[in-house]
Amino acid sequence: MRKWTICWALIGGIVITGVLVTKTMLTNEVKAAESENSVGLNSDAKRENPLIDFDGHLKQALQAREVRAKRRVSEQEFLEMSQDPATLVLDARSASMYKLLHVEGAVNLPYTEFTAASLAQVIPTPETRVLIYCNNNFKNAPAAFAPKNAFVSLNINTYVALHSYGYKNVYELKPLLDRNTTQIEFAGAEVDANKSTASPTARSETP
């Protein structure tokens, strides 16, 4: 009986020792992994790009949201504001889409070309009243005004960008209008082509 007691004691001691050794090894592995992660984070911090600031963008977007909510205008308000010589109508679509069709009198500066310098060349002062519109304001003109997903509407990005560059007097066309029935006048290649097709000369030359 005594022999069995001694044997069980020895076995128990071996098991406990094994558990302690295993626990120590696991603890060391965890510490090593944490150390590697810490080094990785430090490396990422060193590679951080000072010209890219996502948190700053979110901050600007939230600030712009408060202002924008009060600066979205109706079709009639847009028409009235656009008649003011001191007001600039800005089209931030691509140059090719602008040439195809745009609001008459609008100035084009593609969103992808926004810089402090390029905006200053187009907009006289930070206080200048600016009217903006985008693809998602007009339907039945798919070639020139192909709609985007609502949450990535060009108007949203344009408004936030202008706000971030210090242009706070910005107004946005609010409704979705029918290209064929809106009171807003257009210019561009599509308009020129339609005029040419509808002209008496063009009709007389048609066999």
N, C-alpha and C. Protein backbone atom coordinates (compact mmCIF):
# COMPACT_ATOMS: atom_id res chain seq x y z
N MET A 1 0.83 -1.20 0.00
CA MET A 1 0.00 0.00 0.00
C MET A 1 0.86 1.25 0.00
N ARG A 2 1.94 1.20 0.85
CA ARG A 2 2.84 2.35 0.93
C ARG A 2 3.52 2.60 -0.41
N LYS A 3 3.88 1.48 -1.10
CA LYS A 3 4.53 1.61 -2.41
C LYS A 3 3.62 2.32 -3.40
N TRP A 4 2.32 1.93 -3.36
CA TRP A 4 1.37 2.56 -4.29
C TRP A 4 1.20 4.05 -3.98
N THR A 5 1.23 4.37 -2.73
CA THR A 5 1.10 5.78 -2.34
C THR A 5 2.27 6.59 -2.87
N ILE A 6 3.47 6.01 -2.73
CA ILE A 6 4.67 6.70 -3.24
C ILE A 6 4.61 6.86 -4.75
N CYS A 7 4.15 5.81 -5.44
CA CYS A 7 4.05 5.86 -6.91
C CYS A 7 3.08 6.96 -7.36
N TRP A 8 1.92 7.00 -6.69
CA TRP A 8 0.93 8.02 -7.07
C TRP A 8 1.44 9.42 -6.78
N ALA A 9 2.20 9.55 -5.73
CA ALA A 9 2.78 10.86 -5.40
C ALA A 9 3.78 11.29 -6.47
N LEU A 10 4.59 10.32 -6.91
CA LEU A 10 5.56 10.63 -7.96
C LEU A 10 4.87 11.02 -9.26
N ILE A 11 3.82 10.26 -9.60
CA ILE A 11 3.08 10.55 -10.84
C ILE A 11 2.45 11.94 -10.76
N GLY A 12 1.85 12.24 -9.60
CA GLY A 12 1.24 13.56 -9.42
C GLY A 12 2.25 14.68 -9.55
N GLY A 13 3.44 14.45 -9.00
CA GLY A 13 4.48 15.47 -9.10
C GLY A 13 4.90 15.71 -10.53
N ILE A 14 5.00 14.62 -11.29
CA ILE A 14 5.40 14.74 -12.70
C ILE A 14 4.35 15.52 -13.49
N VAL A 15 3.07 15.21 -13.23
CA VAL A 15 1.97 15.89 -13.95
C VAL A 15 1.97 17.37 -13.64
N ILE A 16 2.11 17.71 -12.35
CA ILE A 16 2.11 19.12 -11.95
C ILE A 16 3.27 19.86 -12.58
N THR A 17 4.44 19.21 -12.59
CA THR A 17 5.62 19.82 -13.20
C THR A 17 5.39 20.07 -14.68
N GLY A 18 4.76 19.09 -15.36
CA GLY A 18 4.49 19.24 -16.79
C GLY A 18 3.55 20.39 -17.07
N VAL A 19 2.53 20.52 -16.22
CA VAL A 19 1.57 21.62 -16.38
C VAL A 19 2.25 22.96 -16.22
N LEU A 20 3.09 23.07 -15.20
CA LEU A 20 3.80 24.33 -14.94
C LEU A 20 4.73 24.69 -16.09
N VAL A 21 5.42 23.67 -16.62
CA VAL A 21 6.33 23.91 -17.75
C VAL A 21 5.55 24.38 -18.97
N THR A 22 4.43 23.70 -19.24
CA THR A 22 3.60 24.07 -20.40
C THR A 22 3.07 25.49 -20.26
N LYS A 23 2.60 25.82 -19.04
CA LYS A 23 2.06 27.17 -18.80
C LYS A 23 3.13 28.22 -19.01
N THR A 24 4.35 27.91 -18.54
CA THR A 24 5.46 28.86 -18.71
C THR A 24 5.78 29.07 -20.18
N MET A 25 5.79 27.98 -20.94
CA MET A 25 6.08 28.06 -22.38
C MET A 25 5.03 28.89 -23.10
N LEU A 26 3.74 28.67 -22.76
CA LEU A 26 2.66 29.42 -23.40
C LEU A 26 2.76 30.90 -23.06
N THR A 27 3.08 31.20 -21.80
CA THR A 27 3.22 32.60 -21.38
C THR A 27 4.32 33.28 -22.17
N ASN A 28 5.43 32.58 -22.35
CA ASN A 28 6.56 33.14 -23.10
C ASN A 28 6.20 33.38 -24.56
N GLU A 29 5.40 32.44 -25.13
CA GLU A 29 4.98 32.60 -26.53
C GLU A 29 4.07 33.81 -26.69
N VAL A 30 3.16 34.00 -25.74
CA VAL A 30 2.25 35.15 -25.79
C VAL A 30 3.03 36.44 -25.71
N LYS A 31 4.00 36.50 -24.79
CA LYS A 31 4.82 37.70 -24.65
C LYS A 31 5.61 37.98 -25.92
N ALA A 32 6.12 36.91 -26.54
CA ALA A 32 6.87 37.08 -27.78
C ALA A 32 5.98 37.62 -28.89
N ALA A 33 4.74 37.09 -28.97
CA ALA A 33 3.80 37.56 -29.99
C ALA A 33 3.44 39.02 -29.77
N GLU A 34 3.22 39.39 -28.50
CA GLU A 34 2.90 40.78 -28.19
C GLU A 34 4.05 41.70 -28.55
N SER A 35 5.26 41.21 -28.33
CA SER A 35 6.44 42.01 -28.67
C SER A 35 6.54 42.22 -30.17
N GLU A 36 6.25 41.16 -30.96
CA GLU A 36 6.28 41.27 -32.42
C GLU A 36 5.22 42.24 -32.91
N ASN A 37 4.02 42.17 -32.31
CA ASN A 37 2.94 43.08 -32.70
C ASN A 37 3.32 44.52 -32.39
N SER A 38 3.97 44.70 -31.26
CA SER A 38 4.39 46.05 -30.88
C SER A 38 5.38 46.61 -31.89
N VAL A 39 6.31 45.77 -32.32
CA VAL A 39 7.28 46.19 -33.33
C VAL A 39 6.58 46.52 -34.62
N GLY A 40 5.57 45.70 -35.00
CA GLY A 40 4.81 45.95 -36.22
C GLY A 40 4.09 47.26 -36.18
N LEU A 41 3.48 47.57 -35.04
CA LEU A 41 2.76 48.84 -34.91
C LEU A 41 3.71 50.01 -35.02
N ASN A 42 4.88 49.87 -34.41
CA ASN A 42 5.86 50.95 -34.49
C ASN A 42 6.33 51.15 -35.92
N SER A 43 6.47 50.03 -36.66
CA SER A 43 6.87 50.14 -38.05
C SER A 43 5.80 50.84 -38.87
N ASP A 44 4.52 50.50 -38.61
CA ASP A 44 3.42 51.15 -39.33
C ASP A 44 3.39 52.64 -39.03
N ALA A 45 3.65 52.98 -37.78
CA ALA A 45 3.65 54.39 -37.40
C ALA A 45 4.73 55.15 -38.15
N LYS A 46 5.87 54.50 -38.33
CA LYS A 46 6.97 55.15 -39.05
C LYS A 46 6.63 55.33 -40.52
N ARG A 47 5.78 54.44 -41.05
CA ARG A 47 5.42 54.52 -42.47
C ARG A 47 4.20 55.40 -42.69
N GLU A 48 3.62 55.98 -41.65
CA GLU A 48 2.41 56.78 -41.77
C GLU A 48 2.63 57.95 -42.71
N ASN A 49 1.64 58.20 -43.59
CA ASN A 49 1.73 59.27 -44.59
C ASN A 49 1.12 60.55 -44.03
N PRO A 50 1.91 61.59 -43.83
CA PRO A 50 1.37 62.84 -43.28
C PRO A 50 0.42 63.56 -44.22
N LEU A 51 0.36 63.13 -45.49
CA LEU A 51 -0.53 63.76 -46.46
C LEU A 51 -1.87 63.05 -46.58
N ILE A 52 -2.08 62.02 -45.76
CA ILE A 52 -3.36 61.30 -45.76
C ILE A 52 -3.89 61.26 -44.33
N ASP A 53 -5.07 61.83 -44.12
CA ASP A 53 -5.63 61.94 -42.77
C ASP A 53 -7.12 61.58 -42.80
N PHE A 54 -7.42 60.30 -42.60
CA PHE A 54 -8.80 59.85 -42.66
C PHE A 54 -9.64 60.45 -41.53
N ASP A 55 -9.07 60.50 -40.32
CA ASP A 55 -9.80 61.07 -39.19
C ASP A 55 -10.10 62.55 -39.43
N GLY A 56 -9.13 63.25 -40.04
CA GLY A 56 -9.35 64.66 -40.36
C GLY A 56 -10.46 64.82 -41.38
N HIS A 57 -10.52 63.88 -42.33
CA HIS A 57 -11.58 63.92 -43.34
C HIS A 57 -12.95 63.75 -42.69
N LEU A 58 -13.05 62.80 -41.77
CA LEU A 58 -14.32 62.58 -41.08
C LEU A 58 -14.74 63.82 -40.30
N LYS A 59 -13.78 64.47 -39.68
CA LYS A 59 -14.07 65.68 -38.91
C LYS A 59 -14.62 66.77 -39.82
N GLN A 60 -13.97 66.96 -40.98
CA GLN A 60 -14.43 67.96 -41.94
C GLN A 60 -15.81 67.61 -42.48
N ALA A 61 -16.04 66.33 -42.73
CA ALA A 61 -17.33 65.89 -43.27
C ALA A 61 -18.46 66.17 -42.28
N LEU A 62 -18.21 65.94 -41.00
CA LEU A 62 -19.23 66.19 -39.98
C LEU A 62 -19.52 67.68 -39.85
N GLN A 63 -18.47 68.49 -39.96
CA GLN A 63 -18.67 69.95 -39.91
C GLN A 63 -19.46 70.42 -41.13
N ALA A 64 -19.10 69.89 -42.30
CA ALA A 64 -19.77 70.28 -43.54
C ALA A 64 -21.24 69.85 -43.53
N ARG A 65 -21.53 68.72 -42.90
CA ARG A 65 -22.90 68.22 -42.86
C ARG A 65 -23.84 69.22 -42.19
N GLU A 66 -23.38 69.85 -41.14
CA GLU A 66 -24.20 70.82 -40.41
C GLU A 66 -24.54 72.02 -41.29
N VAL A 67 -23.55 72.49 -42.05
CA VAL A 67 -23.75 73.66 -42.91
C VAL A 67 -24.59 73.28 -44.12
N ARG A 68 -24.26 72.14 -44.72
CA ARG A 68 -24.92 71.69 -45.95
C ARG A 68 -26.42 71.51 -45.76
N ALA A 69 -26.83 71.06 -44.59
CA ALA A 69 -28.25 70.81 -44.33
C ALA A 69 -29.10 72.05 -44.55
N LYS A 70 -28.50 73.22 -44.38
CA LYS A 70 -29.23 74.48 -44.54
C LYS A 70 -28.97 75.14 -45.89
N ARG A 71 -28.13 74.51 -46.72
CA ARG A 71 -27.72 75.13 -47.98
C ARG A 71 -28.14 74.33 -49.21
N ARG A 72 -29.10 73.44 -49.07
CA ARG A 72 -29.59 72.69 -50.22
C ARG A 72 -30.81 73.43 -50.76
N VAL A 73 -30.79 73.74 -52.06
CA VAL A 73 -31.80 74.64 -52.61
C VAL A 73 -32.69 73.96 -53.65
N SER A 74 -33.86 74.53 -53.84
CA SER A 74 -34.83 74.03 -54.82
C SER A 74 -34.41 74.44 -56.23
N GLU A 75 -35.12 73.93 -57.20
CA GLU A 75 -34.85 74.30 -58.59
C GLU A 75 -35.01 75.81 -58.79
N GLN A 76 -36.07 76.38 -58.26
CA GLN A 76 -36.33 77.81 -58.42
C GLN A 76 -35.26 78.65 -57.73
N GLU A 77 -34.86 78.23 -56.54
CA GLU A 77 -33.80 78.96 -55.82
C GLU A 77 -32.49 78.88 -56.58
N PHE A 78 -32.22 77.72 -57.15
CA PHE A 78 -31.00 77.54 -57.94
C PHE A 78 -31.00 78.49 -59.14
N LEU A 79 -32.14 78.57 -59.82
CA LEU A 79 -32.26 79.46 -60.98
C LEU A 79 -32.04 80.91 -60.59
N GLU A 80 -32.64 81.32 -59.50
CA GLU A 80 -32.51 82.71 -59.05
C GLU A 80 -31.08 83.04 -58.64
N MET A 81 -30.45 82.15 -57.91
CA MET A 81 -29.08 82.38 -57.47
C MET A 81 -28.10 82.41 -58.64
N SER A 82 -28.34 81.54 -59.61
CA SER A 82 -27.42 81.46 -60.76
C SER A 82 -27.45 82.71 -61.62
N GLN A 83 -28.50 83.52 -61.50
CA GLN A 83 -28.59 84.76 -62.27
C GLN A 83 -27.76 85.88 -61.66
N ASP A 84 -27.31 85.69 -60.44
CA ASP A 84 -26.49 86.69 -59.77
C ASP A 84 -25.07 86.65 -60.35
N PRO A 85 -24.58 87.76 -60.91
CA PRO A 85 -23.24 87.78 -61.52
C PRO A 85 -22.12 87.43 -60.53
N ALA A 86 -22.38 87.64 -59.24
CA ALA A 86 -21.36 87.36 -58.23
C ALA A 86 -21.37 85.90 -57.78
N THR A 87 -22.29 85.12 -58.34
CA THR A 87 -22.40 83.70 -57.97
C THR A 87 -21.74 82.83 -59.03
N LEU A 88 -21.01 81.81 -58.58
CA LEU A 88 -20.34 80.88 -59.49
C LEU A 88 -21.04 79.53 -59.46
N VAL A 89 -21.42 79.04 -60.63
CA VAL A 89 -21.98 77.69 -60.74
C VAL A 89 -20.83 76.75 -61.09
N LEU A 90 -20.56 75.80 -60.22
CA LEU A 90 -19.41 74.91 -60.38
C LEU A 90 -19.85 73.50 -60.75
N ASP A 91 -19.27 72.98 -61.83
CA ASP A 91 -19.51 71.60 -62.27
C ASP A 91 -18.24 70.81 -61.98
N ALA A 92 -18.32 69.85 -61.05
CA ALA A 92 -17.13 69.10 -60.64
C ALA A 92 -17.03 67.74 -61.32
N ARG A 93 -17.82 67.51 -62.36
CA ARG A 93 -17.71 66.25 -63.12
C ARG A 93 -16.47 66.30 -64.00
N SER A 94 -16.21 65.21 -64.68
CA SER A 94 -15.05 65.15 -65.57
C SER A 94 -15.21 66.13 -66.72
N ALA A 95 -14.09 66.51 -67.31
CA ALA A 95 -14.11 67.46 -68.43
C ALA A 95 -14.92 66.92 -69.60
N SER A 96 -14.82 65.61 -69.85
CA SER A 96 -15.54 65.02 -70.99
C SER A 96 -17.06 65.08 -70.78
N MET A 97 -17.51 64.82 -69.56
CA MET A 97 -18.95 64.88 -69.28
C MET A 97 -19.44 66.33 -69.32
N TYR A 98 -18.62 67.24 -68.87
CA TYR A 98 -18.96 68.66 -68.92
C TYR A 98 -19.14 69.11 -70.37
N LYS A 99 -18.22 68.71 -71.24
CA LYS A 99 -18.31 69.09 -72.65
C LYS A 99 -19.56 68.50 -73.30
N LEU A 100 -19.93 67.32 -72.85
CA LEU A 100 -21.10 66.67 -73.42
C LEU A 100 -22.39 67.40 -73.04
N LEU A 101 -22.52 67.75 -71.76
CA LEU A 101 -23.73 68.44 -71.29
C LEU A 101 -23.48 69.03 -69.91
N HIS A 102 -23.84 70.29 -69.75
CA HIS A 102 -23.68 70.95 -68.45
C HIS A 102 -24.69 72.08 -68.30
N VAL A 103 -24.90 72.52 -67.08
CA VAL A 103 -25.78 73.65 -66.82
C VAL A 103 -25.16 74.88 -67.49
N GLU A 104 -25.98 75.60 -68.23
CA GLU A 104 -25.47 76.76 -68.96
C GLU A 104 -24.87 77.78 -67.99
N GLY A 105 -23.66 78.21 -68.32
CA GLY A 105 -22.97 79.19 -67.49
C GLY A 105 -22.08 78.58 -66.42
N ALA A 106 -22.14 77.27 -66.25
CA ALA A 106 -21.33 76.61 -65.23
C ALA A 106 -19.86 76.56 -65.64
N VAL A 107 -18.99 76.61 -64.64
CA VAL A 107 -17.55 76.50 -64.84
C VAL A 107 -17.12 75.10 -64.41
N ASN A 108 -16.23 74.50 -65.18
CA ASN A 108 -15.81 73.13 -64.87
C ASN A 108 -14.45 73.06 -64.18
N LEU A 109 -14.42 72.36 -63.06
CA LEU A 109 -13.17 71.97 -62.41
C LEU A 109 -13.43 70.58 -61.83
N PRO A 110 -12.91 69.53 -62.48
CA PRO A 110 -13.17 68.17 -62.02
C PRO A 110 -12.75 67.97 -60.56
N TYR A 111 -13.55 67.23 -59.85
CA TYR A 111 -13.29 66.96 -58.43
C TYR A 111 -11.89 66.38 -58.22
N THR A 112 -11.46 65.54 -59.14
CA THR A 112 -10.15 64.90 -59.01
C THR A 112 -9.00 65.89 -59.16
N GLU A 113 -9.30 67.10 -59.61
CA GLU A 113 -8.25 68.11 -59.80
C GLU A 113 -8.31 69.20 -58.74
N PHE A 114 -9.11 69.00 -57.71
CA PHE A 114 -9.22 69.99 -56.63
C PHE A 114 -7.89 70.11 -55.87
N THR A 115 -7.35 71.31 -55.83
CA THR A 115 -6.23 71.65 -54.96
C THR A 115 -6.48 73.08 -54.50
N ALA A 116 -5.73 73.53 -53.52
CA ALA A 116 -5.91 74.91 -53.06
C ALA A 116 -5.67 75.88 -54.21
N ALA A 117 -4.66 75.58 -55.04
CA ALA A 117 -4.31 76.48 -56.14
C ALA A 117 -5.36 76.45 -57.25
N SER A 118 -5.80 75.25 -57.65
CA SER A 118 -6.76 75.16 -58.76
C SER A 118 -8.10 75.78 -58.38
N LEU A 119 -8.52 75.60 -57.15
CA LEU A 119 -9.78 76.20 -56.70
C LEU A 119 -9.69 77.72 -56.66
N ALA A 120 -8.54 78.23 -56.24
CA ALA A 120 -8.35 79.68 -56.17
C ALA A 120 -8.38 80.31 -57.56
N GLN A 121 -7.99 79.55 -58.58
CA GLN A 121 -8.01 80.06 -59.95
C GLN A 121 -9.44 80.15 -60.49
N VAL A 122 -10.31 79.31 -59.98
CA VAL A 122 -11.69 79.25 -60.48
C VAL A 122 -12.66 80.07 -59.63
N ILE A 123 -12.51 80.00 -58.33
CA ILE A 123 -13.41 80.71 -57.40
C ILE A 123 -12.73 81.98 -56.93
N PRO A 124 -13.30 83.15 -57.22
CA PRO A 124 -12.64 84.43 -56.91
C PRO A 124 -12.17 84.58 -55.47
N THR A 125 -13.04 84.28 -54.50
CA THR A 125 -12.68 84.43 -53.09
C THR A 125 -13.34 83.32 -52.28
N PRO A 126 -12.85 83.06 -51.07
CA PRO A 126 -13.50 82.06 -50.21
C PRO A 126 -14.93 82.44 -49.84
N GLU A 127 -15.26 83.73 -49.97
CA GLU A 127 -16.61 84.19 -49.63
C GLU A 127 -17.57 84.12 -50.82
N THR A 128 -17.06 83.86 -52.01
CA THR A 128 -17.91 83.80 -53.20
C THR A 128 -19.00 82.74 -53.03
N ARG A 129 -20.21 83.08 -53.44
CA ARG A 129 -21.28 82.09 -53.38
C ARG A 129 -21.11 81.10 -54.53
N VAL A 130 -21.09 79.83 -54.19
CA VAL A 130 -20.87 78.77 -55.17
C VAL A 130 -22.09 77.85 -55.20
N LEU A 131 -22.59 77.59 -56.40
CA LEU A 131 -23.68 76.63 -56.59
C LEU A 131 -23.11 75.35 -57.20
N ILE A 132 -23.47 74.21 -56.65
CA ILE A 132 -22.98 72.95 -57.21
C ILE A 132 -24.14 72.03 -57.56
N TYR A 133 -23.88 71.14 -58.51
CA TYR A 133 -24.83 70.10 -58.90
C TYR A 133 -24.00 68.91 -59.35
N CYS A 134 -24.65 67.76 -59.56
CA CYS A 134 -23.89 66.58 -59.98
C CYS A 134 -24.76 65.63 -60.79
N ASN A 135 -24.20 64.47 -61.10
CA ASN A 135 -24.91 63.45 -61.88
C ASN A 135 -26.27 63.09 -61.30
N ASN A 136 -26.34 63.08 -59.97
CA ASN A 136 -27.55 62.61 -59.31
C ASN A 136 -28.65 63.66 -59.21
N ASN A 137 -28.47 64.79 -59.89
CA ASN A 137 -29.51 65.83 -59.90
C ASN A 137 -30.40 65.76 -61.14
N PHE A 138 -29.96 65.00 -62.16
CA PHE A 138 -30.71 64.98 -63.41
C PHE A 138 -30.90 63.55 -63.93
N LYS A 139 -32.13 63.23 -64.28
CA LYS A 139 -32.43 61.92 -64.87
C LYS A 139 -32.78 62.10 -66.34
N ASN A 140 -32.82 60.98 -67.06
CA ASN A 140 -33.09 60.97 -68.50
C ASN A 140 -32.01 61.67 -69.31
N ALA A 141 -30.78 61.59 -68.81
CA ALA A 141 -29.61 62.06 -69.55
C ALA A 141 -28.45 61.14 -69.17
N PRO A 142 -28.60 59.83 -69.44
CA PRO A 142 -27.65 58.83 -68.93
C PRO A 142 -26.22 58.96 -69.43
N ALA A 143 -26.04 59.50 -70.62
CA ALA A 143 -24.68 59.62 -71.13
C ALA A 143 -23.88 60.66 -70.35
N ALA A 144 -24.48 61.80 -70.10
CA ALA A 144 -23.77 62.90 -69.43
C ALA A 144 -23.95 62.88 -67.91
N PHE A 145 -25.09 62.37 -67.45
CA PHE A 145 -25.38 62.38 -66.01
C PHE A 145 -25.69 60.98 -65.51
N ALA A 146 -24.73 60.08 -65.66
CA ALA A 146 -24.90 58.71 -65.16
C ALA A 146 -24.94 58.74 -63.64
N PRO A 147 -26.03 58.27 -63.03
CA PRO A 147 -26.16 58.36 -61.57
C PRO A 147 -25.18 57.46 -60.83
N LYS A 148 -24.76 57.92 -59.66
CA LYS A 148 -23.90 57.14 -58.78
C LYS A 148 -24.72 56.67 -57.58
N ASN A 149 -24.16 55.77 -56.79
CA ASN A 149 -24.84 55.37 -55.55
C ASN A 149 -25.05 56.60 -54.69
N ALA A 150 -26.18 56.66 -54.02
CA ALA A 150 -26.55 57.86 -53.26
C ALA A 150 -25.50 58.26 -52.23
N PHE A 151 -24.86 57.27 -51.60
CA PHE A 151 -23.91 57.59 -50.53
C PHE A 151 -22.53 58.01 -51.04
N VAL A 152 -22.31 57.91 -52.35
CA VAL A 152 -21.06 58.43 -52.93
C VAL A 152 -21.36 59.49 -53.98
N SER A 153 -22.52 60.11 -53.86
CA SER A 153 -22.90 61.18 -54.78
C SER A 153 -21.80 62.23 -54.87
N LEU A 154 -21.52 62.70 -56.07
CA LEU A 154 -20.46 63.69 -56.27
C LEU A 154 -20.74 64.97 -55.50
N ASN A 155 -22.01 65.33 -55.35
CA ASN A 155 -22.35 66.53 -54.58
C ASN A 155 -21.80 66.46 -53.16
N ILE A 156 -21.90 65.29 -52.54
CA ILE A 156 -21.44 65.13 -51.16
C ILE A 156 -19.94 65.34 -51.08
N ASN A 157 -19.20 64.66 -51.94
CA ASN A 157 -17.74 64.79 -51.94
C ASN A 157 -17.30 66.21 -52.28
N THR A 158 -17.99 66.81 -53.25
CA THR A 158 -17.64 68.17 -53.65
C THR A 158 -17.88 69.14 -52.50
N TYR A 159 -19.01 68.99 -51.83
CA TYR A 159 -19.34 69.91 -50.73
C TYR A 159 -18.30 69.80 -49.61
N VAL A 160 -17.97 68.57 -49.23
CA VAL A 160 -16.99 68.37 -48.15
C VAL A 160 -15.63 68.93 -48.55
N ALA A 161 -15.23 68.70 -49.79
CA ALA A 161 -13.93 69.20 -50.25
C ALA A 161 -13.87 70.72 -50.24
N LEU A 162 -14.91 71.37 -50.76
CA LEU A 162 -14.94 72.83 -50.77
C LEU A 162 -14.91 73.38 -49.35
N HIS A 163 -15.67 72.75 -48.47
CA HIS A 163 -15.68 73.17 -47.06
C HIS A 163 -14.28 73.03 -46.46
N SER A 164 -13.62 71.92 -46.77
CA SER A 164 -12.28 71.66 -46.22
C SER A 164 -11.25 72.66 -46.72
N TYR A 165 -11.44 73.16 -47.94
CA TYR A 165 -10.51 74.15 -48.50
C TYR A 165 -10.88 75.58 -48.11
N GLY A 166 -11.89 75.73 -47.28
CA GLY A 166 -12.22 77.06 -46.77
C GLY A 166 -13.34 77.79 -47.47
N TYR A 167 -14.03 77.10 -48.39
CA TYR A 167 -15.15 77.74 -49.11
C TYR A 167 -16.44 77.37 -48.38
N LYS A 168 -16.94 78.30 -47.61
CA LYS A 168 -18.08 78.04 -46.73
C LYS A 168 -19.41 78.53 -47.29
N ASN A 169 -19.37 79.31 -48.38
CA ASN A 169 -20.61 79.88 -48.94
C ASN A 169 -21.08 79.04 -50.13
N VAL A 170 -21.28 77.76 -49.88
CA VAL A 170 -21.60 76.81 -50.95
C VAL A 170 -23.05 76.34 -50.82
N TYR A 171 -23.74 76.32 -51.96
CA TYR A 171 -25.13 75.86 -52.01
C TYR A 171 -25.24 74.71 -53.01
N GLU A 172 -26.10 73.77 -52.70
CA GLU A 172 -26.22 72.55 -53.52
C GLU A 172 -27.64 72.38 -54.05
N LEU A 173 -27.75 72.07 -55.33
CA LEU A 173 -29.05 71.76 -55.91
C LEU A 173 -29.57 70.48 -55.26
N LYS A 174 -30.76 70.55 -54.70
CA LYS A 174 -31.29 69.43 -53.91
C LYS A 174 -32.07 68.39 -54.71
N PRO A 175 -33.05 68.76 -55.52
CA PRO A 175 -33.94 67.75 -56.12
C PRO A 175 -33.32 66.96 -57.27
N LEU A 176 -33.99 65.85 -57.58
CA LEU A 176 -33.69 65.08 -58.79
C LEU A 176 -34.65 65.58 -59.86
N LEU A 177 -34.10 66.17 -60.92
CA LEU A 177 -34.92 66.81 -61.95
C LEU A 177 -34.86 66.03 -63.26
N ASP A 178 -35.93 66.14 -64.03
CA ASP A 178 -35.98 65.51 -65.35
C ASP A 178 -35.28 66.43 -66.34
N ARG A 179 -34.29 65.90 -67.00
CA ARG A 179 -33.53 66.68 -67.98
C ARG A 179 -34.45 67.30 -69.03
N ASN A 180 -35.53 66.62 -69.37
CA ASN A 180 -36.40 67.07 -70.45
C ASN A 180 -37.45 68.10 -70.03
N THR A 181 -37.67 68.25 -68.73
CA THR A 181 -38.72 69.17 -68.28
C THR A 181 -38.24 70.26 -67.34
N THR A 182 -37.03 70.16 -66.83
CA THR A 182 -36.52 71.17 -65.91
C THR A 182 -36.43 72.54 -66.57
N GLN A 183 -36.56 73.57 -65.77
CA GLN A 183 -36.43 74.94 -66.26
C GLN A 183 -34.96 75.36 -66.41
N ILE A 184 -34.07 74.57 -65.86
CA ILE A 184 -32.64 74.87 -65.94
C ILE A 184 -32.16 74.66 -67.37
N GLU A 185 -31.45 75.64 -67.90
CA GLU A 185 -30.94 75.57 -69.27
C GLU A 185 -29.60 74.83 -69.30
N PHE A 186 -29.37 74.14 -70.42
CA PHE A 186 -28.13 73.37 -70.58
C PHE A 186 -27.35 73.83 -71.80
N ALA A 187 -26.08 73.47 -71.81
CA ALA A 187 -25.21 73.73 -72.96
C ALA A 187 -24.31 72.51 -73.13
N GLY A 188 -23.64 72.44 -74.28
CA GLY A 188 -22.75 71.32 -74.53
C GLY A 188 -23.02 70.63 -75.85
N ALA A 189 -22.26 69.59 -76.12
CA ALA A 189 -22.35 68.89 -77.40
C ALA A 189 -23.73 68.31 -77.66
N GLU A 190 -24.38 67.78 -76.62
CA GLU A 190 -25.72 67.20 -76.82
C GLU A 190 -26.71 68.27 -77.25
N VAL A 191 -26.63 69.44 -76.64
CA VAL A 191 -27.53 70.55 -76.98
C VAL A 191 -27.27 71.00 -78.41
N ASP A 192 -25.99 71.13 -78.76
CA ASP A 192 -25.64 71.55 -80.12
C ASP A 192 -26.13 70.55 -81.15
N ALA A 193 -26.01 69.26 -80.83
CA ALA A 193 -26.45 68.21 -81.76
C ALA A 193 -27.96 68.25 -81.95
N ASN A 194 -28.68 68.48 -80.86
CA ASN A 194 -30.14 68.56 -80.95
C ASN A 194 -30.59 69.77 -81.75
N LYS A 195 -29.89 70.89 -81.58
CA LYS A 195 -30.22 72.10 -82.33
C LYS A 195 -29.98 71.88 -83.82
N SER A 196 -28.88 71.20 -84.12
CA SER A 196 -28.54 70.94 -85.51
C SER A 196 -29.58 70.03 -86.16
N THR A 197 -30.03 69.03 -85.42
CA THR A 197 -31.03 68.09 -85.94
C THR A 197 -32.38 68.77 -86.14
N ALA A 198 -32.69 69.71 -85.25
CA ALA A 198 -34.00 70.36 -85.29
C ALA A 198 -34.05 71.56 -86.22
N SER A 199 -32.90 72.02 -86.74
CA SER A 199 -32.88 73.22 -87.57
C SER A 199 -33.52 72.96 -88.93
N PRO A 200 -34.15 73.97 -89.54
CA PRO A 200 -34.79 73.82 -90.86
C PRO A 200 -33.82 73.34 -91.92
N THR A 201 -32.57 73.82 -91.86
CA THR A 201 -31.56 73.43 -92.85
C THR A 201 -31.30 71.94 -92.76
N ALA A 202 -31.16 71.46 -91.54
CA ALA A 202 -30.89 70.03 -91.35
C ALA A 202 -32.05 69.20 -91.86
N ARG A 203 -33.29 69.65 -91.60
CA ARG A 203 -34.46 68.89 -92.04
C ARG A 203 -34.57 68.88 -93.56
N SER A 204 -34.23 70.01 -94.20
CA SER A 204 -34.35 70.09 -95.66
C SER A 204 -33.31 69.24 -96.35
N GLU A 205 -32.17 68.99 -95.66
CA GLU A 205 -31.11 68.18 -96.26
C GLU A 205 -31.35 66.70 -96.05
N THR A 206 -32.32 66.38 -95.21
CA THR A 206 -32.61 64.97 -94.95
C THR A 206 -33.37 64.37 -96.13
N PRO A 207 -32.88 63.30 -96.74
CA PRO A 207 -33.55 62.72 -97.92
C PRO A 207 -34.90 62.14 -97.58
